[in-house]
Amino acid sequence: MILVTYFDPFGGDTVNVSQEVATRLPQRDYIVSAELKTSKRDVEQQIPELIAKVRPDAILGLGQAEGRVVPTLERVGINLIDSRIEDNRHEQYHDEMVVPDGPPAYFSTLPVRQIVETVHQHGLPIELSLSAGAFMCNQALYLMRHSARDIPAGFLHLPLLPSQAASRRHVASMGLTDQITVVSIVLDTIWLWLQRGASQ
């Protein structure tokens, strides 16, 4: 089973691309989806609870990243929250650790190179990223790895939808259908990798 997490809208938006994509994914028996609230206090409670409840074989977090041109697969989550905006509890954090006394960072344990190559083989864009930021998406990635160190976990940032970018100036976007296809390929790749014993 793959646990797929996504976030609710934040920062004044009425939609979150991760929510729009996750709730429209083709049906798969091996996928369980769950919404995270865009708030530090909620995320740090929800992630351990979801892992304990679902007991997944792998975890893929989805999140929105304004300014990203294509979907970006994160390689590392850092032990830092330093947000430029308030979360949905109207709280803002600076220079705070995700987990006090936790390690400085966790690397994704998903087969990131294999995922990128497979998406490219389908003629769709995806890139690796070395920065998940320092807001809720980074917190989620760090907590996924910290809460269940033996479960492969990683995070995929998604660019804005055209409807979101329309109200901004010079911001990249990507259509919903293509983003759903990319995420579907990512999940299928992870599932096949798990079936082969996570050896590749």
N, C-alpha and C. Protein backbone atom coordinates (compact mmCIF):
# COMPACT_ATOMS: atom_id res chain seq x y z
N MET A 1 0.83 -1.19 0.00
CA MET A 1 0.00 0.00 0.00
C MET A 1 0.88 1.25 0.00
N ILE A 2 0.53 2.21 -0.84
CA ILE A 2 1.23 3.49 -0.86
C ILE A 2 0.31 4.55 -0.26
N LEU A 3 0.79 5.22 0.76
CA LEU A 3 0.08 6.34 1.35
C LEU A 3 0.43 7.60 0.56
N VAL A 4 -0.58 8.26 0.01
CA VAL A 4 -0.40 9.51 -0.72
C VAL A 4 -1.02 10.63 0.10
N THR A 5 -0.21 11.61 0.47
CA THR A 5 -0.73 12.76 1.20
C THR A 5 -0.76 13.98 0.30
N TYR A 6 -1.67 14.88 0.62
CA TYR A 6 -1.79 16.14 -0.11
C TYR A 6 -2.29 17.20 0.85
N PHE A 7 -2.21 18.45 0.45
CA PHE A 7 -2.56 19.56 1.33
C PHE A 7 -3.84 20.27 0.91
N ASP A 8 -4.49 20.89 1.88
CA ASP A 8 -5.65 21.73 1.60
C ASP A 8 -5.15 23.11 1.13
N PRO A 9 -6.05 23.94 0.57
CA PRO A 9 -5.63 25.26 0.09
C PRO A 9 -5.06 26.13 1.21
N PHE A 10 -4.16 27.03 0.84
CA PHE A 10 -3.54 27.92 1.83
C PHE A 10 -3.14 29.22 1.15
N GLY A 11 -2.75 30.18 1.96
CA GLY A 11 -2.22 31.43 1.43
C GLY A 11 -3.20 32.24 0.61
N GLY A 12 -4.48 32.08 0.87
CA GLY A 12 -5.48 32.83 0.13
C GLY A 12 -6.01 32.14 -1.10
N ASP A 13 -5.40 31.03 -1.51
CA ASP A 13 -5.92 30.27 -2.65
C ASP A 13 -7.17 29.50 -2.25
N THR A 14 -8.04 29.28 -3.22
CA THR A 14 -9.24 28.47 -2.97
C THR A 14 -9.04 27.03 -3.38
N VAL A 15 -7.93 26.74 -4.08
CA VAL A 15 -7.60 25.37 -4.45
C VAL A 15 -6.13 25.14 -4.15
N ASN A 16 -5.77 23.88 -4.02
CA ASN A 16 -4.38 23.46 -3.91
C ASN A 16 -4.17 22.40 -4.98
N VAL A 17 -3.19 22.59 -5.83
CA VAL A 17 -3.00 21.66 -6.94
C VAL A 17 -2.79 20.23 -6.45
N SER A 18 -2.14 20.05 -5.31
CA SER A 18 -1.92 18.69 -4.80
C SER A 18 -3.24 18.01 -4.46
N GLN A 19 -4.17 18.78 -3.94
CA GLN A 19 -5.51 18.26 -3.63
C GLN A 19 -6.27 17.93 -4.91
N GLU A 20 -6.19 18.83 -5.89
CA GLU A 20 -6.89 18.61 -7.15
C GLU A 20 -6.37 17.36 -7.86
N VAL A 21 -5.07 17.15 -7.81
CA VAL A 21 -4.48 15.97 -8.47
C VAL A 21 -4.80 14.70 -7.69
N ALA A 22 -4.55 14.71 -6.40
CA ALA A 22 -4.72 13.49 -5.60
C ALA A 22 -6.14 12.97 -5.61
N THR A 23 -7.11 13.87 -5.59
CA THR A 23 -8.51 13.44 -5.54
C THR A 23 -9.05 13.02 -6.90
N ARG A 24 -8.23 13.15 -7.93
CA ARG A 24 -8.65 12.75 -9.29
C ARG A 24 -7.78 11.64 -9.87
N LEU A 25 -6.93 11.06 -9.07
CA LEU A 25 -6.08 9.98 -9.57
C LEU A 25 -6.93 8.78 -9.97
N PRO A 26 -6.51 8.06 -11.02
CA PRO A 26 -7.22 6.83 -11.37
C PRO A 26 -7.22 5.85 -10.19
N GLN A 27 -8.28 5.09 -10.09
CA GLN A 27 -8.40 4.13 -8.99
C GLN A 27 -7.28 3.10 -9.04
N ARG A 28 -6.63 2.92 -7.91
CA ARG A 28 -5.61 1.90 -7.76
C ARG A 28 -5.85 1.21 -6.41
N ASP A 29 -5.82 -0.13 -6.40
CA ASP A 29 -6.04 -0.85 -5.15
C ASP A 29 -4.95 -0.59 -4.13
N TYR A 30 -3.79 -0.17 -4.62
CA TYR A 30 -2.64 -0.02 -3.71
C TYR A 30 -2.45 1.41 -3.19
N ILE A 31 -3.41 2.30 -3.45
CA ILE A 31 -3.28 3.70 -3.03
C ILE A 31 -4.29 4.05 -1.94
N VAL A 32 -3.80 4.68 -0.89
CA VAL A 32 -4.65 5.30 0.13
C VAL A 32 -4.26 6.76 0.20
N SER A 33 -5.22 7.66 -0.01
CA SER A 33 -4.94 9.09 0.00
C SER A 33 -5.46 9.74 1.27
N ALA A 34 -4.75 10.77 1.72
CA ALA A 34 -5.16 11.48 2.94
C ALA A 34 -4.75 12.94 2.84
N GLU A 35 -5.64 13.80 3.30
CA GLU A 35 -5.38 15.23 3.26
C GLU A 35 -4.68 15.69 4.53
N LEU A 36 -3.65 16.50 4.35
CA LEU A 36 -2.98 17.16 5.47
C LEU A 36 -3.46 18.60 5.55
N LYS A 37 -3.62 19.08 6.74
CA LYS A 37 -3.95 20.49 6.94
C LYS A 37 -2.67 21.32 6.86
N THR A 38 -2.74 22.45 6.20
CA THR A 38 -1.55 23.27 6.03
C THR A 38 -1.28 24.06 7.30
N SER A 39 -0.84 23.34 8.30
CA SER A 39 -0.48 23.94 9.57
C SER A 39 0.55 23.07 10.27
N LYS A 40 1.54 23.70 10.83
CA LYS A 40 2.63 22.97 11.49
C LYS A 40 2.09 22.02 12.55
N ARG A 41 1.23 22.53 13.41
CA ARG A 41 0.74 21.71 14.52
C ARG A 41 -0.09 20.53 14.04
N ASP A 42 -0.86 20.72 12.97
CA ASP A 42 -1.66 19.61 12.44
C ASP A 42 -0.78 18.58 11.75
N VAL A 43 0.17 19.04 10.94
CA VAL A 43 1.02 18.11 10.19
C VAL A 43 1.82 17.22 11.15
N GLU A 44 2.35 17.80 12.22
CA GLU A 44 3.17 17.00 13.12
C GLU A 44 2.35 15.98 13.89
N GLN A 45 1.04 16.18 13.94
CA GLN A 45 0.16 15.19 14.57
C GLN A 45 -0.36 14.19 13.54
N GLN A 46 -0.74 14.69 12.38
CA GLN A 46 -1.39 13.84 11.37
C GLN A 46 -0.46 12.77 10.80
N ILE A 47 0.77 13.13 10.49
CA ILE A 47 1.65 12.18 9.80
C ILE A 47 1.92 10.92 10.63
N PRO A 48 2.32 11.03 11.89
CA PRO A 48 2.51 9.79 12.67
C PRO A 48 1.22 8.99 12.81
N GLU A 49 0.08 9.68 12.94
CA GLU A 49 -1.20 8.98 13.07
C GLU A 49 -1.55 8.23 11.78
N LEU A 50 -1.33 8.87 10.63
CA LEU A 50 -1.63 8.21 9.35
C LEU A 50 -0.74 6.99 9.14
N ILE A 51 0.53 7.11 9.46
CA ILE A 51 1.44 5.99 9.29
C ILE A 51 1.02 4.82 10.17
N ALA A 52 0.65 5.12 11.40
CA ALA A 52 0.22 4.06 12.32
C ALA A 52 -1.08 3.42 11.87
N LYS A 53 -1.97 4.21 11.29
CA LYS A 53 -3.27 3.70 10.86
C LYS A 53 -3.16 2.91 9.56
N VAL A 54 -2.48 3.44 8.57
CA VAL A 54 -2.41 2.83 7.24
C VAL A 54 -1.36 1.73 7.18
N ARG A 55 -0.27 1.90 7.90
CA ARG A 55 0.86 0.98 7.86
C ARG A 55 1.30 0.74 6.41
N PRO A 56 1.67 1.82 5.72
CA PRO A 56 1.96 1.71 4.28
C PRO A 56 3.29 1.02 3.99
N ASP A 57 3.42 0.57 2.75
CA ASP A 57 4.69 0.04 2.27
C ASP A 57 5.60 1.17 1.77
N ALA A 58 5.00 2.29 1.41
CA ALA A 58 5.75 3.46 0.94
C ALA A 58 4.84 4.68 1.11
N ILE A 59 5.47 5.85 1.10
CA ILE A 59 4.73 7.11 1.26
C ILE A 59 5.18 8.09 0.19
N LEU A 60 4.21 8.73 -0.46
CA LEU A 60 4.50 9.82 -1.39
C LEU A 60 3.70 11.04 -0.96
N GLY A 61 4.40 12.10 -0.59
CA GLY A 61 3.73 13.36 -0.29
C GLY A 61 3.62 14.22 -1.53
N LEU A 62 2.50 14.90 -1.68
CA LEU A 62 2.30 15.84 -2.77
C LEU A 62 2.08 17.23 -2.18
N GLY A 63 2.63 18.23 -2.86
CA GLY A 63 2.45 19.59 -2.39
C GLY A 63 2.55 20.59 -3.52
N GLN A 64 2.10 21.79 -3.25
CA GLN A 64 2.07 22.87 -4.24
C GLN A 64 3.31 23.73 -4.10
N ALA A 65 3.91 24.08 -5.23
CA ALA A 65 5.10 24.93 -5.22
C ALA A 65 4.99 25.99 -6.30
N GLU A 66 4.56 27.17 -5.91
CA GLU A 66 4.48 28.28 -6.85
C GLU A 66 5.88 28.60 -7.38
N GLY A 67 5.97 28.74 -8.68
CA GLY A 67 7.26 29.06 -9.30
C GLY A 67 7.95 27.86 -9.93
N ARG A 68 7.54 26.64 -9.53
CA ARG A 68 8.13 25.47 -10.17
C ARG A 68 7.55 25.34 -11.58
N VAL A 69 8.41 25.04 -12.53
CA VAL A 69 7.98 24.96 -13.93
C VAL A 69 7.40 23.58 -14.25
N VAL A 70 7.96 22.55 -13.63
CA VAL A 70 7.51 21.17 -13.83
C VAL A 70 7.43 20.49 -12.46
N PRO A 71 6.80 19.32 -12.37
CA PRO A 71 6.83 18.57 -11.11
C PRO A 71 8.28 18.30 -10.70
N THR A 72 8.55 18.45 -9.42
CA THR A 72 9.92 18.28 -8.92
C THR A 72 9.92 17.28 -7.77
N LEU A 73 10.75 16.26 -7.94
CA LEU A 73 10.88 15.21 -6.95
C LEU A 73 11.98 15.60 -5.97
N GLU A 74 11.59 15.75 -4.71
CA GLU A 74 12.55 16.23 -3.71
C GLU A 74 13.51 15.13 -3.29
N ARG A 75 14.75 15.51 -3.07
CA ARG A 75 15.77 14.55 -2.65
C ARG A 75 16.03 14.61 -1.15
N VAL A 76 15.69 15.75 -0.50
CA VAL A 76 16.06 15.92 0.90
C VAL A 76 15.08 16.83 1.62
N GLY A 77 14.78 16.49 2.87
CA GLY A 77 14.00 17.34 3.75
C GLY A 77 14.88 17.76 4.91
N ILE A 78 14.86 19.04 5.25
CA ILE A 78 15.76 19.55 6.30
C ILE A 78 14.99 19.81 7.59
N ASN A 79 15.73 19.80 8.69
CA ASN A 79 15.13 19.97 10.01
C ASN A 79 14.98 21.45 10.33
N LEU A 80 14.13 22.10 9.55
CA LEU A 80 13.95 23.55 9.70
C LEU A 80 12.59 23.97 9.19
N ILE A 81 11.92 24.81 9.97
CA ILE A 81 10.71 25.51 9.51
C ILE A 81 11.01 26.99 9.58
N ASP A 82 10.90 27.64 8.43
CA ASP A 82 11.14 29.07 8.36
C ASP A 82 10.24 29.61 7.26
N SER A 83 9.05 29.99 7.63
CA SER A 83 8.01 30.28 6.63
C SER A 83 7.88 31.77 6.37
N ARG A 84 7.61 32.09 5.09
CA ARG A 84 7.43 33.49 4.71
C ARG A 84 5.98 33.94 4.88
N ILE A 85 5.06 32.96 5.07
CA ILE A 85 3.65 33.29 5.27
C ILE A 85 3.11 32.50 6.47
N GLU A 86 1.95 32.90 6.94
CA GLU A 86 1.30 32.17 8.01
C GLU A 86 0.73 30.86 7.49
N ASP A 87 0.63 29.87 8.37
CA ASP A 87 -0.07 28.65 8.00
C ASP A 87 -1.57 28.85 8.20
N ASN A 88 -2.34 27.79 8.05
CA ASN A 88 -3.80 27.94 8.13
C ASN A 88 -4.33 28.09 9.54
N ARG A 89 -3.45 28.02 10.53
CA ARG A 89 -3.82 28.38 11.90
C ARG A 89 -3.38 29.81 12.21
N HIS A 90 -2.97 30.52 11.17
CA HIS A 90 -2.48 31.89 11.30
C HIS A 90 -1.25 31.98 12.21
N GLU A 91 -0.43 30.95 12.11
CA GLU A 91 0.82 30.91 12.85
C GLU A 91 1.98 30.93 11.87
N GLN A 92 3.05 31.59 12.26
CA GLN A 92 4.22 31.70 11.41
C GLN A 92 5.46 31.36 12.24
N TYR A 93 6.37 30.61 11.64
CA TYR A 93 7.52 30.12 12.37
C TYR A 93 8.81 30.53 11.68
N HIS A 94 9.81 30.89 12.49
CA HIS A 94 11.12 31.25 11.97
C HIS A 94 12.19 30.49 12.73
N ASP A 95 13.12 29.92 11.97
CA ASP A 95 14.30 29.27 12.57
C ASP A 95 13.92 28.23 13.62
N GLU A 96 12.88 27.46 13.34
CA GLU A 96 12.42 26.44 14.28
C GLU A 96 12.69 25.05 13.70
N MET A 97 13.07 24.12 14.55
CA MET A 97 13.35 22.77 14.10
C MET A 97 12.04 22.00 13.92
N VAL A 98 12.00 21.13 12.92
CA VAL A 98 10.86 20.25 12.74
C VAL A 98 10.78 19.27 13.91
N VAL A 99 11.90 18.69 14.25
CA VAL A 99 12.01 17.77 15.38
C VAL A 99 13.21 18.20 16.23
N PRO A 100 12.97 18.74 17.41
CA PRO A 100 14.10 19.13 18.26
C PRO A 100 15.05 17.95 18.47
N ASP A 101 16.32 18.22 18.32
CA ASP A 101 17.38 17.20 18.48
C ASP A 101 17.34 16.13 17.39
N GLY A 102 16.53 16.32 16.34
CA GLY A 102 16.53 15.39 15.22
C GLY A 102 17.74 15.63 14.33
N PRO A 103 18.04 14.71 13.42
CA PRO A 103 19.17 14.91 12.51
C PRO A 103 18.94 16.12 11.61
N PRO A 104 20.00 16.69 11.07
CA PRO A 104 19.86 17.89 10.24
C PRO A 104 18.97 17.68 9.01
N ALA A 105 18.96 16.46 8.46
CA ALA A 105 18.20 16.23 7.23
C ALA A 105 17.95 14.74 7.04
N TYR A 106 16.95 14.46 6.22
CA TYR A 106 16.68 13.09 5.76
C TYR A 106 16.60 13.12 4.24
N PHE A 107 17.19 12.12 3.61
CA PHE A 107 17.08 11.98 2.17
C PHE A 107 15.85 11.14 1.83
N SER A 108 15.26 11.42 0.68
CA SER A 108 14.19 10.56 0.17
C SER A 108 14.73 9.15 0.01
N THR A 109 13.89 8.18 0.32
CA THR A 109 14.28 6.78 0.13
C THR A 109 13.47 6.12 -0.98
N LEU A 110 12.85 6.93 -1.82
CA LEU A 110 12.20 6.42 -3.02
C LEU A 110 13.24 6.34 -4.14
N PRO A 111 12.99 5.53 -5.18
CA PRO A 111 13.95 5.40 -6.29
C PRO A 111 13.85 6.59 -7.23
N VAL A 112 14.40 7.72 -6.79
CA VAL A 112 14.15 8.98 -7.49
C VAL A 112 14.66 8.98 -8.94
N ARG A 113 15.84 8.40 -9.18
CA ARG A 113 16.36 8.37 -10.55
C ARG A 113 15.48 7.51 -11.45
N GLN A 114 15.06 6.39 -10.94
CA GLN A 114 14.20 5.50 -11.71
C GLN A 114 12.87 6.17 -12.03
N ILE A 115 12.33 6.89 -11.07
CA ILE A 115 11.06 7.60 -11.28
C ILE A 115 11.21 8.64 -12.38
N VAL A 116 12.27 9.45 -12.30
CA VAL A 116 12.48 10.49 -13.29
C VAL A 116 12.64 9.89 -14.69
N GLU A 117 13.43 8.84 -14.80
CA GLU A 117 13.65 8.21 -16.10
C GLU A 117 12.35 7.64 -16.67
N THR A 118 11.51 7.05 -15.81
CA THR A 118 10.26 6.47 -16.28
C THR A 118 9.29 7.54 -16.76
N VAL A 119 9.18 8.63 -16.02
CA VAL A 119 8.30 9.73 -16.45
C VAL A 119 8.79 10.30 -17.78
N HIS A 120 10.09 10.47 -17.91
CA HIS A 120 10.65 10.99 -19.17
C HIS A 120 10.37 10.05 -20.33
N GLN A 121 10.41 8.75 -20.08
CA GLN A 121 10.13 7.78 -21.13
C GLN A 121 8.70 7.90 -21.65
N HIS A 122 7.82 8.43 -20.82
CA HIS A 122 6.43 8.66 -21.22
C HIS A 122 6.24 10.03 -21.87
N GLY A 123 7.33 10.75 -22.06
CA GLY A 123 7.26 12.04 -22.75
C GLY A 123 6.74 13.17 -21.91
N LEU A 124 6.88 13.06 -20.59
CA LEU A 124 6.39 14.10 -19.69
C LEU A 124 7.54 14.64 -18.84
N PRO A 125 7.42 15.89 -18.37
CA PRO A 125 8.52 16.51 -17.64
C PRO A 125 8.48 16.22 -16.14
N ILE A 126 9.66 16.07 -15.57
CA ILE A 126 9.84 15.97 -14.12
C ILE A 126 11.32 16.23 -13.87
N GLU A 127 11.63 16.81 -12.72
CA GLU A 127 13.02 17.10 -12.38
C GLU A 127 13.28 16.72 -10.93
N LEU A 128 14.56 16.51 -10.62
CA LEU A 128 14.97 16.33 -9.24
C LEU A 128 15.21 17.69 -8.62
N SER A 129 14.96 17.80 -7.33
CA SER A 129 15.14 19.06 -6.61
C SER A 129 15.92 18.81 -5.32
N LEU A 130 16.78 19.76 -4.99
CA LEU A 130 17.56 19.67 -3.76
C LEU A 130 17.03 20.58 -2.67
N SER A 131 15.86 21.18 -2.88
CA SER A 131 15.28 22.04 -1.85
C SER A 131 13.76 21.90 -1.82
N ALA A 132 13.27 21.37 -0.72
CA ALA A 132 11.82 21.28 -0.51
C ALA A 132 11.30 22.51 0.19
N GLY A 133 12.14 23.54 0.30
CA GLY A 133 11.74 24.76 0.99
C GLY A 133 11.87 24.61 2.49
N ALA A 134 11.10 25.43 3.21
CA ALA A 134 11.15 25.37 4.68
C ALA A 134 9.75 25.61 5.25
N PHE A 135 8.74 25.21 4.49
CA PHE A 135 7.34 25.38 4.93
C PHE A 135 6.76 24.00 5.19
N MET A 136 5.49 23.82 4.98
CA MET A 136 4.80 22.59 5.36
C MET A 136 5.24 21.38 4.54
N CYS A 137 5.57 21.56 3.27
CA CYS A 137 5.97 20.42 2.45
C CYS A 137 7.28 19.83 2.95
N ASN A 138 8.23 20.70 3.26
CA ASN A 138 9.49 20.23 3.83
C ASN A 138 9.25 19.55 5.17
N GLN A 139 8.40 20.14 5.99
CA GLN A 139 8.07 19.53 7.28
C GLN A 139 7.48 18.14 7.10
N ALA A 140 6.58 18.02 6.14
CA ALA A 140 5.94 16.72 5.89
C ALA A 140 6.97 15.68 5.47
N LEU A 141 7.85 16.04 4.53
CA LEU A 141 8.88 15.10 4.08
C LEU A 141 9.76 14.67 5.24
N TYR A 142 10.21 15.63 6.03
CA TYR A 142 11.08 15.31 7.16
C TYR A 142 10.37 14.38 8.14
N LEU A 143 9.12 14.67 8.46
CA LEU A 143 8.38 13.86 9.43
C LEU A 143 8.06 12.46 8.88
N MET A 144 7.80 12.36 7.59
CA MET A 144 7.57 11.04 7.00
C MET A 144 8.78 10.14 7.21
N ARG A 145 9.96 10.70 6.99
CA ARG A 145 11.19 9.92 7.15
C ARG A 145 11.51 9.68 8.62
N HIS A 146 11.24 10.67 9.45
CA HIS A 146 11.57 10.55 10.88
C HIS A 146 10.62 9.60 11.60
N SER A 147 9.35 9.61 11.21
CA SER A 147 8.33 8.83 11.91
C SER A 147 8.36 7.36 11.56
N ALA A 148 8.88 7.02 10.39
CA ALA A 148 8.91 5.63 9.95
C ALA A 148 10.15 5.41 9.10
N ARG A 149 11.27 5.25 9.74
CA ARG A 149 12.55 5.24 9.02
C ARG A 149 12.74 4.01 8.15
N ASP A 150 11.93 2.98 8.39
CA ASP A 150 12.06 1.76 7.59
C ASP A 150 11.08 1.72 6.41
N ILE A 151 10.28 2.78 6.24
CA ILE A 151 9.31 2.84 5.15
C ILE A 151 9.82 3.81 4.08
N PRO A 152 9.98 3.37 2.84
CA PRO A 152 10.41 4.29 1.78
C PRO A 152 9.45 5.48 1.67
N ALA A 153 10.01 6.66 1.63
CA ALA A 153 9.16 7.86 1.60
C ALA A 153 9.85 8.97 0.82
N GLY A 154 9.04 9.80 0.20
CA GLY A 154 9.55 10.94 -0.54
C GLY A 154 8.45 11.94 -0.83
N PHE A 155 8.80 12.99 -1.56
CA PHE A 155 7.87 14.10 -1.77
C PHE A 155 7.99 14.63 -3.19
N LEU A 156 6.82 14.97 -3.77
CA LEU A 156 6.75 15.52 -5.12
C LEU A 156 6.05 16.87 -5.08
N HIS A 157 6.77 17.92 -5.47
CA HIS A 157 6.16 19.24 -5.58
C HIS A 157 5.54 19.41 -6.96
N LEU A 158 4.38 20.04 -6.99
CA LEU A 158 3.65 20.25 -8.23
C LEU A 158 3.54 21.73 -8.55
N PRO A 159 3.69 22.11 -9.84
CA PRO A 159 3.51 23.51 -10.22
C PRO A 159 2.04 23.91 -10.14
N LEU A 160 1.80 25.21 -10.18
CA LEU A 160 0.43 25.69 -10.14
C LEU A 160 -0.36 25.24 -11.35
N LEU A 161 -1.67 25.22 -11.20
CA LEU A 161 -2.57 25.00 -12.32
C LEU A 161 -2.73 26.31 -13.10
N PRO A 162 -3.09 26.24 -14.39
CA PRO A 162 -3.31 27.46 -15.15
C PRO A 162 -4.31 28.41 -14.50
N SER A 163 -5.36 27.86 -13.88
CA SER A 163 -6.35 28.71 -13.23
C SER A 163 -5.77 29.47 -12.04
N GLN A 164 -4.77 28.88 -11.38
CA GLN A 164 -4.11 29.58 -10.28
C GLN A 164 -3.13 30.62 -10.80
N ALA A 165 -2.40 30.26 -11.83
CA ALA A 165 -1.39 31.17 -12.38
C ALA A 165 -2.01 32.38 -13.06
N ALA A 166 -3.26 32.27 -13.47
CA ALA A 166 -3.92 33.36 -14.20
C ALA A 166 -4.00 34.64 -13.38
N SER A 167 -4.07 34.52 -12.06
CA SER A 167 -4.18 35.70 -11.20
C SER A 167 -2.82 36.21 -10.73
N ARG A 168 -1.74 35.59 -11.21
CA ARG A 168 -0.40 36.00 -10.84
C ARG A 168 0.34 36.47 -12.10
N ARG A 169 1.44 37.15 -11.91
CA ARG A 169 2.21 37.64 -13.05
C ARG A 169 3.44 36.77 -13.26
N HIS A 170 3.60 36.29 -14.49
CA HIS A 170 4.81 35.58 -14.89
C HIS A 170 5.09 34.36 -14.02
N VAL A 171 4.06 33.58 -13.75
CA VAL A 171 4.22 32.36 -12.95
C VAL A 171 3.92 31.16 -13.83
N ALA A 172 4.79 30.17 -13.77
CA ALA A 172 4.61 28.97 -14.58
C ALA A 172 3.43 28.14 -14.10
N SER A 173 2.89 27.33 -15.00
CA SER A 173 1.78 26.45 -14.64
C SER A 173 1.85 25.20 -15.50
N MET A 174 1.04 24.21 -15.13
CA MET A 174 0.96 22.96 -15.88
C MET A 174 -0.46 22.44 -15.75
N GLY A 175 -1.01 21.94 -16.84
CA GLY A 175 -2.40 21.49 -16.86
C GLY A 175 -2.68 20.34 -15.91
N LEU A 176 -3.91 20.28 -15.44
CA LEU A 176 -4.30 19.26 -14.48
C LEU A 176 -4.15 17.85 -15.04
N THR A 177 -4.57 17.62 -16.28
CA THR A 177 -4.50 16.28 -16.86
C THR A 177 -3.07 15.77 -16.90
N ASP A 178 -2.13 16.61 -17.34
CA ASP A 178 -0.73 16.19 -17.40
C ASP A 178 -0.18 15.92 -16.00
N GLN A 179 -0.58 16.72 -15.03
CA GLN A 179 -0.08 16.51 -13.67
C GLN A 179 -0.62 15.20 -13.09
N ILE A 180 -1.88 14.90 -13.36
CA ILE A 180 -2.45 13.62 -12.91
C ILE A 180 -1.69 12.46 -13.54
N THR A 181 -1.37 12.59 -14.82
CA THR A 181 -0.64 11.52 -15.51
C THR A 181 0.75 11.33 -14.91
N VAL A 182 1.45 12.43 -14.65
CA VAL A 182 2.78 12.34 -14.04
C VAL A 182 2.72 11.63 -12.69
N VAL A 183 1.79 12.04 -11.84
CA VAL A 183 1.69 11.43 -10.51
C VAL A 183 1.31 9.96 -10.61
N SER A 184 0.45 9.62 -11.54
CA SER A 184 0.08 8.22 -11.75
C SER A 184 1.29 7.37 -12.13
N ILE A 185 2.12 7.91 -13.04
CA ILE A 185 3.33 7.20 -13.44
C ILE A 185 4.28 7.05 -12.26
N VAL A 186 4.42 8.10 -11.48
CA VAL A 186 5.28 8.04 -10.29
C VAL A 186 4.83 6.93 -9.35
N LEU A 187 3.52 6.87 -9.09
CA LEU A 187 2.99 5.86 -8.17
C LEU A 187 3.14 4.46 -8.73
N ASP A 188 2.86 4.29 -10.01
CA ASP A 188 3.04 2.97 -10.64
C ASP A 188 4.50 2.51 -10.56
N THR A 189 5.40 3.45 -10.75
CA THR A 189 6.83 3.13 -10.69
C THR A 189 7.24 2.70 -9.29
N ILE A 190 6.75 3.44 -8.30
CA ILE A 190 7.06 3.08 -6.90
C ILE A 190 6.49 1.70 -6.58
N TRP A 191 5.27 1.43 -7.03
CA TRP A 191 4.64 0.15 -6.71
C TRP A 191 5.39 -1.02 -7.36
N LEU A 192 5.78 -0.87 -8.62
CA LEU A 192 6.56 -1.92 -9.28
C LEU A 192 7.89 -2.13 -8.58
N TRP A 193 8.51 -1.05 -8.16
CA TRP A 193 9.78 -1.13 -7.42
C TRP A 193 9.60 -1.89 -6.12
N LEU A 194 8.51 -1.64 -5.43
CA LEU A 194 8.24 -2.37 -4.19
C LEU A 194 8.02 -3.86 -4.47
N GLN A 195 7.29 -4.15 -5.55
CA GLN A 195 7.00 -5.55 -5.89
C GLN A 195 8.28 -6.31 -6.24
N ARG A 196 9.27 -5.59 -6.75
CA ARG A 196 10.54 -6.24 -7.11
C ARG A 196 11.50 -6.30 -5.92
N GLY A 197 10.98 -5.92 -4.76
CA GLY A 197 11.79 -6.00 -3.55
C GLY A 197 12.59 -4.76 -3.26
N ALA A 198 12.19 -3.63 -3.84
CA ALA A 198 12.87 -2.34 -3.61
C ALA A 198 14.38 -2.49 -3.79
N SER A 199 14.75 -3.28 -4.79
CA SER A 199 16.17 -3.58 -4.98
C SER A 199 16.82 -2.76 -6.08
N GLN A 200 16.02 -1.98 -6.80
CA GLN A 200 16.58 -1.23 -7.93
C GLN A 200 16.69 0.24 -7.60
